[in-house]
Amino acid sequence: MAENRVNATSEQIEKLISLVASNKQIVTRRSLGTAKYWNAVANELNALGPPIHNRKEWKELWDDYCGTLKDQLVDNYVKNKDAGKYPWDLANFTPLEKRVIDMIHNHLSHLYRQNLNLSRKRRQLSAVLEIVVTDIEV
């Protein structure tokens, strides 16, 4: 069965990331935003041209983009480590993806500083991102 995925142009993805990055509540996922916020996002992204989506679809695209990126990051780490390569190499990621990785890392680091009880998977992902972002900065 084929999935009904929301698609977007690279220009729309870049704009979406910029809009989300400017809204700390969305980045930290304390809130996925109000309908009013996502309507404004949808209007800005739809103004860039087809494809045109409603607020729910743009919100879903953001969530899918982050989830896919997290999975790719973990897979990249495992493949590099198994191949005897430097496990934190992000050469396969675009600058835009690296920006989102950094946003996710900052969010997870913030949660650790607050000593919140995280699931095992999130703790593992945070550890991976901590080392990855530290290596990017060096």
C-alpha atoms as a PDB file:
ATOM      1  CA  MET A   1       0.000   0.000   0.000  1.00  0.00           C
ATOM      2  CA  ALA A   2       1.457   3.362  -1.039  1.00  0.00           C
ATOM      3  CA  GLU A   3       1.743   6.027   1.592  1.00  0.00           C
ATOM      4  CA  ASN A   4      -0.025   9.325   1.072  1.00  0.00           C
ATOM      5  CA  ARG A   5       2.982  11.585   1.647  1.00  0.00           C
ATOM      6  CA  VAL A   6       2.906  15.347   1.483  1.00  0.00           C
ATOM      7  CA  ASN A   7       5.409  16.736  -0.999  1.00  0.00           C
ATOM      8  CA  ALA A   8       7.063  20.132  -1.246  1.00  0.00           C
ATOM      9  CA  THR A   9       9.672  21.951  -3.293  1.00  0.00           C
ATOM     10  CA  SER A  10      13.146  22.533  -1.869  1.00  0.00           C
ATOM     11  CA  GLU A  11      12.302  26.251  -1.652  1.00  0.00           C
ATOM     12  CA  GLN A  12       9.229  25.444   0.452  1.00  0.00           C
ATOM     13  CA  ILE A  13      11.240  23.111   2.713  1.00  0.00           C
ATOM     14  CA  GLU A  14      13.874  25.822   3.272  1.00  0.00           C
ATOM     15  CA  LYS A  15      11.175  28.348   4.134  1.00  0.00           C
ATOM     16  CA  LEU A  16       9.428  25.869   6.445  1.00  0.00           C
ATOM     17  CA  ILE A  17      12.662  25.248   8.344  1.00  0.00           C
ATOM     18  CA  SER A  18      13.264  28.995   8.657  1.00  0.00           C
ATOM     19  CA  LEU A  19       9.732  29.577   9.936  1.00  0.00           C
ATOM     20  CA  VAL A  20       9.954  26.756  12.457  1.00  0.00           C
ATOM     21  CA  ALA A  21      13.445  27.800  13.583  1.00  0.00           C
ATOM     22  CA  SER A  22      12.120  31.248  14.415  1.00  0.00           C
ATOM     23  CA  ASN A  23       9.421  29.780  16.685  1.00  0.00           C
ATOM     24  CA  LYS A  24      11.047  28.282  19.767  1.00  0.00           C
ATOM     25  CA  GLN A  25       7.800  26.634  20.915  1.00  0.00           C
ATOM     26  CA  ILE A  26       7.698  24.548  17.723  1.00  0.00           C
ATOM     27  CA  VAL A  27      11.406  23.690  17.744  1.00  0.00           C
ATOM     28  CA  THR A  28      11.275  22.495  21.348  1.00  0.00           C
ATOM     29  CA  ARG A  29       7.998  20.682  20.630  1.00  0.00           C
ATOM     30  CA  ARG A  30       6.434  22.050  23.804  1.00  0.00           C
ATOM     31  CA  SER A  31       3.691  22.908  21.397  1.00  0.00           C
ATOM     32  CA  LEU A  32       3.171  21.916  17.816  1.00  0.00           C
ATOM     33  CA  GLY A  33       1.675  25.339  17.290  1.00  0.00           C
ATOM     34  CA  THR A  34      -1.792  26.720  17.052  1.00  0.00           C
ATOM     35  CA  ALA A  35      -4.078  26.504  14.063  1.00  0.00           C
ATOM     36  CA  LYS A  36      -3.490  30.241  13.579  1.00  0.00           C
ATOM     37  CA  TYR A  37       0.296  29.717  13.453  1.00  0.00           C
ATOM     38  CA  TRP A  38       0.079  26.850  10.963  1.00  0.00           C
ATOM     39  CA  ASN A  39      -2.431  28.771   8.823  1.00  0.00           C
ATOM     40  CA  ALA A  40       0.128  31.579   8.574  1.00  0.00           C
ATOM     41  CA  VAL A  41       2.853  29.050   7.722  1.00  0.00           C
ATOM     42  CA  ALA A  42       0.623  27.452   5.085  1.00  0.00           C
ATOM     43  CA  ASN A  43      -0.111  30.845   3.526  1.00  0.00           C
ATOM     44  CA  GLU A  44       3.599  31.716   3.293  1.00  0.00           C
ATOM     45  CA  LEU A  45       4.572  28.324   1.885  1.00  0.00           C
ATOM     46  CA  ASN A  46       1.666  28.172  -0.547  1.00  0.00           C
ATOM     47  CA  ALA A  47       2.647  31.625  -1.836  1.00  0.00           C
ATOM     48  CA  LEU A  48       5.878  30.035  -3.095  1.00  0.00           C
ATOM     49  CA  GLY A  49       3.838  28.037  -5.584  1.00  0.00           C
ATOM     50  CA  PRO A  50       2.648  24.496  -6.077  1.00  0.00           C
ATOM     51  CA  PRO A  51       2.295  22.166  -4.365  1.00  0.00           C
ATOM     52  CA  ILE A  52      -0.377  23.775  -2.221  1.00  0.00           C
ATOM     53  CA  HIS A  53      -1.247  22.233   1.152  1.00  0.00           C
ATOM     54  CA  ASN A  54      -3.428  23.069   4.129  1.00  0.00           C
ATOM     55  CA  ARG A  55      -2.074  23.734   7.631  1.00  0.00           C
ATOM     56  CA  LYS A  56      -2.500  20.122   8.729  1.00  0.00           C
ATOM     57  CA  GLU A  57      -0.462  18.841   5.779  1.00  0.00           C
ATOM     58  CA  TRP A  58       2.374  21.336   6.341  1.00  0.00           C
ATOM     59  CA  LYS A  59       2.474  20.401  10.023  1.00  0.00           C
ATOM     60  CA  GLU A  60       2.593  16.722   9.036  1.00  0.00           C
ATOM     61  CA  LEU A  61       5.382  17.416   6.542  1.00  0.00           C
ATOM     62  CA  TRP A  62       7.472  19.051   9.292  1.00  0.00           C
ATOM     63  CA  ASP A  63       6.909  16.129  11.646  1.00  0.00           C
ATOM     64  CA  ASP A  64       7.733  13.575   8.905  1.00  0.00           C
ATOM     65  CA  TYR A  65      10.840  15.522   7.866  1.00  0.00           C
ATOM     66  CA  CYS A  66      12.206  15.508  11.424  1.00  0.00           C
ATOM     67  CA  GLY A  67      11.352  11.854  11.987  1.00  0.00           C
ATOM     68  CA  THR A  68      12.979  10.767   8.738  1.00  0.00           C
ATOM     69  CA  LEU A  69      16.062  12.836   9.472  1.00  0.00           C
ATOM     70  CA  LYS A  70      16.419  11.297  12.937  1.00  0.00           C
ATOM     71  CA  ASP A  71      16.170   7.800  11.438  1.00  0.00           C
ATOM     72  CA  GLN A  72      18.764   8.668   8.773  1.00  0.00           C
ATOM     73  CA  LEU A  73      21.102  10.033  11.420  1.00  0.00           C
ATOM     74  CA  VAL A  74      20.965   6.845  13.463  1.00  0.00           C
ATOM     75  CA  ASP A  75      21.347   4.678  10.321  1.00  0.00           C
ATOM     76  CA  ASN A  76      24.300   6.790   9.190  1.00  0.00           C
ATOM     77  CA  TYR A  77      25.982   6.316  12.558  1.00  0.00           C
ATOM     78  CA  VAL A  78      25.483   2.530  12.537  1.00  0.00           C
ATOM     79  CA  LYS A  79      26.646   2.093   8.911  1.00  0.00           C
ATOM     80  CA  ASN A  80      29.757   4.201   9.419  1.00  0.00           C
ATOM     81  CA  LYS A  81      30.630   2.462  12.670  1.00  0.00           C
ATOM     82  CA  ASP A  82      30.120  -1.003  11.154  1.00  0.00           C
ATOM     83  CA  ALA A  83      32.279  -0.058   8.153  1.00  0.00           C
ATOM     84  CA  GLY A  84      35.101   1.075  10.436  1.00  0.00           C
ATOM     85  CA  LYS A  85      34.613   4.696   9.413  1.00  0.00           C
ATOM     86  CA  TYR A  86      34.281   7.717  11.628  1.00  0.00           C
ATOM     87  CA  PRO A  87      30.717   7.171  12.938  1.00  0.00           C
ATOM     88  CA  TRP A  88      29.772  10.847  13.223  1.00  0.00           C
ATOM     89  CA  ASP A  89      30.569  11.755   9.628  1.00  0.00           C
ATOM     90  CA  LEU A  90      27.722  13.866   8.271  1.00  0.00           C
ATOM     91  CA  ALA A  91      29.026  14.109   4.711  1.00  0.00           C
ATOM     92  CA  ASN A  92      25.810  12.529   3.411  1.00  0.00           C
ATOM     93  CA  PHE A  93      23.672  15.286   4.906  1.00  0.00           C
ATOM     94  CA  THR A  94      22.893  18.597   3.228  1.00  0.00           C
ATOM     95  CA  PRO A  95      23.561  21.913   4.998  1.00  0.00           C
ATOM     96  CA  LEU A  96      19.809  22.271   5.485  1.00  0.00           C
ATOM     97  CA  GLU A  97      19.580  18.833   7.110  1.00  0.00           C
ATOM     98  CA  LYS A  98      22.546  19.708   9.322  1.00  0.00           C
ATOM     99  CA  ARG A  99      20.669  22.833  10.426  1.00  0.00           C
ATOM    100  CA  VAL A 100      17.670  20.743  11.492  1.00  0.00           C
ATOM    101  CA  ILE A 101      19.983  18.246  13.229  1.00  0.00           C
ATOM    102  CA  ASP A 102      21.403  21.171  15.174  1.00  0.00           C
ATOM    103  CA  MET A 103      17.876  22.358  16.068  1.00  0.00           C
ATOM    104  CA  ILE A 104      16.950  18.875  17.303  1.00  0.00           C
ATOM    105  CA  HIS A 105      20.206  18.640  19.255  1.00  0.00           C
ATOM    106  CA  ASN A 106      19.597  21.970  20.972  1.00  0.00           C
ATOM    107  CA  HIS A 107      16.100  20.860  21.945  1.00  0.00           C
ATOM    108  CA  LEU A 108      17.268  17.547  23.421  1.00  0.00           C
ATOM    109  CA  SER A 109      20.134  19.256  25.266  1.00  0.00           C
ATOM    110  CA  HIS A 110      17.595  21.663  26.753  1.00  0.00           C
ATOM    111  CA  LEU A 111      15.508  18.728  27.994  1.00  0.00           C
ATOM    112  CA  TYR A 112      18.538  17.149  29.636  1.00  0.00           C
ATOM    113  CA  ARG A 113      19.369  20.392  31.384  1.00  0.00           C
ATOM    114  CA  GLN A 114      15.864  20.357  32.830  1.00  0.00           C
ATOM    115  CA  ASN A 115      16.393  16.738  33.982  1.00  0.00           C
ATOM    116  CA  LEU A 116      13.224  15.512  32.321  1.00  0.00           C
ATOM    117  CA  ASN A 117      12.549  11.810  32.176  1.00  0.00           C
ATOM    118  CA  LEU A 118      13.247  10.903  28.536  1.00  0.00           C
ATOM    119  CA  SER A 119      12.544   7.641  26.841  1.00  0.00           C
ATOM    120  CA  ARG A 120      15.523   5.402  26.128  1.00  0.00           C
ATOM    121  CA  LYS A 121      15.358   6.102  22.402  1.00  0.00           C
ATOM    122  CA  ARG A 122      15.405   9.866  22.923  1.00  0.00           C
ATOM    123  CA  ARG A 123      18.343   9.571  25.334  1.00  0.00           C
ATOM    124  CA  GLN A 124      20.271   7.525  22.764  1.00  0.00           C
ATOM    125  CA  LEU A 125      19.441   9.977  19.997  1.00  0.00           C
ATOM    126  CA  SER A 126      20.479  12.879  22.186  1.00  0.00           C
ATOM    127  CA  ALA A 127      23.831  11.211  22.884  1.00  0.00           C
ATOM    128  CA  VAL A 128      24.373  10.676  19.151  1.00  0.00           C
ATOM    129  CA  LEU A 129      23.444  14.281  18.360  1.00  0.00           C
ATOM    130  CA  GLU A 130      25.639  15.663  21.158  1.00  0.00           C
ATOM    131  CA  ILE A 131      28.733  14.095  19.651  1.00  0.00           C
ATOM    132  CA  VAL A 132      27.724  14.875  16.058  1.00  0.00           C
ATOM    133  CA  VAL A 133      27.138  18.572  16.691  1.00  0.00           C
ATOM    134  CA  THR A 134      30.292  18.857  18.797  1.00  0.00           C
ATOM    135  CA  ASP A 135      32.281  17.405  15.890  1.00  0.00           C
ATOM    136  CA  ILE A 136      30.626  19.784  13.407  1.00  0.00           C
ATOM    137  CA  GLU A 137      31.640  22.771  15.521  1.00  0.00           C
ATOM    138  CA  VAL A 138      35.292  21.669  15.730  1.00  0.00           C
END
